Amino acid sequence: MQKSIDMGLAGSLTMIFLTVAVVLLLRNFYIRFNRLQKSKDEEQS
């Protein structure tokens, strides 16, 4: 019984880690994309 609890905890921690990693990657991509869009807009105007 104890082993299944440990596996559940490890799975939860893994999912939390993966979720945080994906959120950070998406956030960095979004910031970089917005910066590129701003520089393109300034070049055109």
PDB file of N, CA and C in Angstrom:
ATOM      1  N   MET A   1       0.837  -1.202   0.000  1.00  0.00           N
ATOM      2  CA  MET A   1       0.000   0.000   0.000  1.00  0.00           C
ATOM      3  C   MET A   1       0.877   1.259   0.000  1.00  0.00           C
ATOM      4  N   GLN A   2       1.931   1.239   0.789  1.00  0.00           N
ATOM      5  CA  GLN A   2       2.808   2.408   0.873  1.00  0.00           C
ATOM      6  C   GLN A   2       3.436   2.710  -0.489  1.00  0.00           C
ATOM      7  N   LYS A   3       3.780   1.668  -1.241  1.00  0.00           N
ATOM      8  CA  LYS A   3       4.449   1.886  -2.519  1.00  0.00           C
ATOM      9  C   LYS A   3       3.536   2.622  -3.504  1.00  0.00           C
ATOM     10  N   SER A   4       2.246   2.282  -3.532  1.00  0.00           N
ATOM     11  CA  SER A   4       1.339   2.949  -4.470  1.00  0.00           C
ATOM     12  C   SER A   4       1.189   4.432  -4.119  1.00  0.00           C
ATOM     13  N   ILE A   5       1.242   4.764  -2.840  1.00  0.00           N
ATOM     14  CA  ILE A   5       1.164   6.172  -2.436  1.00  0.00           C
ATOM     15  C   ILE A   5       2.404   6.916  -2.936  1.00  0.00           C
ATOM     16  N   ASP A   6       3.571   6.293  -2.798  1.00  0.00           N
ATOM     17  CA  ASP A   6       4.801   6.931  -3.265  1.00  0.00           C
ATOM     18  C   ASP A   6       4.760   7.135  -4.778  1.00  0.00           C
ATOM     19  N   MET A   7       4.273   6.118  -5.503  1.00  0.00           N
ATOM     20  CA  MET A   7       4.198   6.245  -6.957  1.00  0.00           C
ATOM     21  C   MET A   7       3.231   7.372  -7.337  1.00  0.00           C
ATOM     22  N   GLY A   8       2.136   7.482  -6.618  1.00  0.00           N
ATOM     23  CA  GLY A   8       1.186   8.555  -6.900  1.00  0.00           C
ATOM     24  C   GLY A   8       1.806   9.918  -6.655  1.00  0.00           C
ATOM     25  N   LEU A   9       2.589  10.026  -5.587  1.00  0.00           N
ATOM     26  CA  LEU A   9       3.255  11.292  -5.283  1.00  0.00           C
ATOM     27  C   LEU A   9       4.269  11.627  -6.372  1.00  0.00           C
ATOM     28  N   ALA A  10       5.042  10.628  -6.791  1.00  0.00           N
ATOM     29  CA  ALA A  10       6.037  10.857  -7.842  1.00  0.00           C
ATOM     30  C   ALA A  10       5.347  11.277  -9.137  1.00  0.00           C
ATOM     31  N   GLY A  11       4.233  10.631  -9.453  1.00  0.00           N
ATOM     32  CA  GLY A  11       3.499  10.993 -10.665  1.00  0.00           C
ATOM     33  C   GLY A  11       2.973  12.417 -10.589  1.00  0.00           C
ATOM     34  N   SER A  12       2.464  12.791  -9.423  1.00  0.00           N
ATOM     35  CA  SER A  12       1.941  14.149  -9.253  1.00  0.00           C
ATOM     36  C   SER A  12       3.056  15.178  -9.406  1.00  0.00           C
ATOM     37  N   LEU A  13       4.194  14.902  -8.781  1.00  0.00           N
ATOM     38  CA  LEU A  13       5.316  15.840  -8.885  1.00  0.00           C
ATOM     39  C   LEU A  13       5.792  15.946 -10.328  1.00  0.00           C
ATOM     40  N   THR A  14       5.821  14.814 -11.035  1.00  0.00           N
ATOM     41  CA  THR A  14       6.244  14.831 -12.435  1.00  0.00           C
ATOM     42  C   THR A  14       5.286  15.664 -13.276  1.00  0.00           C
ATOM     43  N   MET A  15       3.991  15.484 -13.063  1.00  0.00           N
ATOM     44  CA  MET A  15       3.004  16.247 -13.833  1.00  0.00           C
ATOM     45  C   MET A  15       3.102  17.737 -13.519  1.00  0.00           C
ATOM     46  N   ILE A  16       3.318  18.074 -12.248  1.00  0.00           N
ATOM     47  CA  ILE A  16       3.472  19.484 -11.870  1.00  0.00           C
ATOM     48  C   ILE A  16       4.693  20.075 -12.569  1.00  0.00           C
ATOM     49  N   PHE A  17       5.798  19.333 -12.550  1.00  0.00           N
ATOM     50  CA  PHE A  17       7.032  19.803 -13.181  1.00  0.00           C
ATOM     51  C   PHE A  17       6.829  20.015 -14.681  1.00  0.00           C
ATOM     52  N   LEU A  18       6.198  19.035 -15.344  1.00  0.00           N
ATOM     53  CA  LEU A  18       5.977  19.156 -16.786  1.00  0.00           C
ATOM     54  C   LEU A  18       5.064  20.340 -17.106  1.00  0.00           C
ATOM     55  N   THR A  19       4.029  20.520 -16.310  1.00  0.00           N
ATOM     56  CA  THR A  19       3.099  21.629 -16.545  1.00  0.00           C
ATOM     57  C   THR A  19       3.813  22.970 -16.405  1.00  0.00           C
ATOM     58  N   VAL A  20       4.611  23.112 -15.354  1.00  0.00           N
ATOM     59  CA  VAL A  20       5.345  24.365 -15.137  1.00  0.00           C
ATOM     60  C   VAL A  20       6.325  24.607 -16.284  1.00  0.00           C
ATOM     61  N   ALA A  21       7.005  23.551 -16.728  1.00  0.00           N
ATOM     62  CA  ALA A  21       7.968  23.698 -17.820  1.00  0.00           C
ATOM     63  C   ALA A  21       7.271  24.169 -19.096  1.00  0.00           C
ATOM     64  N   VAL A  22       6.122  23.572 -19.414  1.00  0.00           N
ATOM     65  CA  VAL A  22       5.389  23.960 -20.623  1.00  0.00           C
ATOM     66  C   VAL A  22       4.902  25.401 -20.518  1.00  0.00           C
ATOM     67  N   VAL A  23       4.397  25.781 -19.349  1.00  0.00           N
ATOM     68  CA  VAL A  23       3.914  27.155 -19.165  1.00  0.00           C
ATOM     69  C   VAL A  23       5.053  28.149 -19.354  1.00  0.00           C
ATOM     70  N   LEU A  24       6.214  27.846 -18.792  1.00  0.00           N
ATOM     71  CA  LEU A  24       7.350  28.759 -18.938  1.00  0.00           C
ATOM     72  C   LEU A  24       7.786  28.866 -20.398  1.00  0.00           C
ATOM     73  N   LEU A  25       7.825  27.735 -21.107  1.00  0.00           N
ATOM     74  CA  LEU A  25       8.218  27.764 -22.514  1.00  0.00           C
ATOM     75  C   LEU A  25       7.228  28.582 -23.340  1.00  0.00           C
ATOM     76  N   LEU A  26       5.933  28.366 -23.107  1.00  0.00           N
ATOM     77  CA  LEU A  26       4.921  29.119 -23.855  1.00  0.00           C
ATOM     78  C   LEU A  26       5.025  30.608 -23.549  1.00  0.00           C
ATOM     79  N   ARG A  27       5.271  30.944 -22.284  1.00  0.00           N
ATOM     80  CA  ARG A  27       5.375  32.345 -21.889  1.00  0.00           C
ATOM     81  C   ARG A  27       6.576  33.008 -22.574  1.00  0.00           C
ATOM     82  N   ASN A  28       7.719  32.320 -22.579  1.00  0.00           N
ATOM     83  CA  ASN A  28       8.902  32.879 -23.231  1.00  0.00           C
ATOM     84  C   ASN A  28       8.671  33.049 -24.727  1.00  0.00           C
ATOM     85  N   PHE A  29       8.027  32.049 -25.357  1.00  0.00           N
ATOM     86  CA  PHE A  29       7.745  32.155 -26.784  1.00  0.00           C
ATOM     87  C   PHE A  29       6.819  33.337 -27.067  1.00  0.00           C
ATOM     88  N   TYR A  30       5.797  33.511 -26.212  1.00  0.00           N
ATOM     89  CA  TYR A  30       4.830  34.594 -26.395  1.00  0.00           C
ATOM     90  C   TYR A  30       5.514  35.954 -26.277  1.00  0.00           C
ATOM     91  N   ILE A  31       6.388  36.091 -25.285  1.00  0.00           N
ATOM     92  CA  ILE A  31       7.110  37.357 -25.096  1.00  0.00           C
ATOM     93  C   ILE A  31       8.004  37.638 -26.301  1.00  0.00           C
ATOM     94  N   ARG A  32       8.724  36.618 -26.768  1.00  0.00           N
ATOM     95  CA  ARG A  32       9.616  36.799 -27.907  1.00  0.00           C
ATOM     96  C   ARG A  32       8.818  37.144 -29.163  1.00  0.00           C
ATOM     97  N   PHE A  33       7.675  36.468 -29.351  1.00  0.00           N
ATOM     98  CA  PHE A  33       6.829  36.718 -30.514  1.00  0.00           C
ATOM     99  C   PHE A  33       6.315  38.155 -30.499  1.00  0.00           C
ATOM    100  N   ASN A  34       5.870  38.623 -29.333  1.00  0.00           N
ATOM    101  CA  ASN A  34       5.379  40.000 -29.228  1.00  0.00           C
ATOM    102  C   ASN A  34       6.491  40.996 -29.530  1.00  0.00           C
ATOM    103  N   ARG A  35       7.704  40.703 -29.070  1.00  0.00           N
ATOM    104  CA  ARG A  35       8.826  41.606 -29.322  1.00  0.00           C
ATOM    105  C   ARG A  35       9.112  41.688 -30.825  1.00  0.00           C
ATOM    106  N   LEU A  36       9.047  40.527 -31.507  1.00  0.00           N
ATOM    107  CA  LEU A  36       9.267  40.524 -32.950  1.00  0.00           C
ATOM    108  C   LEU A  36       8.181  41.319 -33.664  1.00  0.00           C
ATOM    109  N   GLN A  37       6.933  41.159 -33.238  1.00  0.00           N
ATOM    110  CA  GLN A  37       5.830  41.885 -33.862  1.00  0.00           C
ATOM    111  C   GLN A  37       6.010  43.392 -33.682  1.00  0.00           C
ATOM    112  N   LYS A  38       6.441  43.816 -32.502  1.00  0.00           N
ATOM    113  CA  LYS A  38       6.645  45.248 -32.255  1.00  0.00           C
ATOM    114  C   LYS A  38       7.745  45.799 -33.158  1.00  0.00           C
ATOM    115  N   SER A  39       8.836  45.053 -33.303  1.00  0.00           N
ATOM    116  CA  SER A  39       9.930  45.543 -34.137  1.00  0.00           C
ATOM    117  C   SER A  39       9.503  45.592 -35.603  1.00  0.00           C
ATOM    118  N   LYS A  40       8.681  44.644 -36.041  1.00  0.00           N
ATOM    119  CA  LYS A  40       8.187  44.681 -37.418  1.00  0.00           C
ATOM    120  C   LYS A  40       7.277  45.883 -37.625  1.00  0.00           C
ATOM    121  N   ASP A  41       6.413  46.159 -36.653  1.00  0.00           N
ATOM    122  CA  ASP A  41       5.510  47.303 -36.763  1.00  0.00           C
ATOM    123  C   ASP A  41       6.302  48.612 -36.839  1.00  0.00           C
ATOM    124  N   GLU A  42       7.366  48.723 -36.060  1.00  0.00           N
ATOM    125  CA  GLU A  42       8.167  49.949 -36.068  1.00  0.00           C
ATOM    126  C   GLU A  42       8.898  50.110 -37.394  1.00  0.00           C
ATOM    127  N   GLU A  43       9.330  48.994 -37.992  1.00  0.00           N
ATOM    128  CA  GLU A  43      10.008  49.080 -39.284  1.00  0.00           C
ATOM    129  C   GLU A  43       9.058  49.558 -40.371  1.00  0.00           C
ATOM    130  N   GLN A  44       7.811  49.101 -40.335  1.00  0.00           N
ATOM    131  CA  GLN A  44       6.839  49.452 -41.372  1.00  0.00           C
ATOM    132  C   GLN A  44       6.397  50.908 -41.253  1.00  0.00           C
ATOM    133  N   SER A  45       6.264  51.412 -40.057  1.00  0.00           N
ATOM    134  CA  SER A  45       5.747  52.781 -39.892  1.00  0.00           C
ATOM    135  C   SER A  45       6.844  53.825 -39.986  1.00  0.00           C
TER     136      SER A  45
END
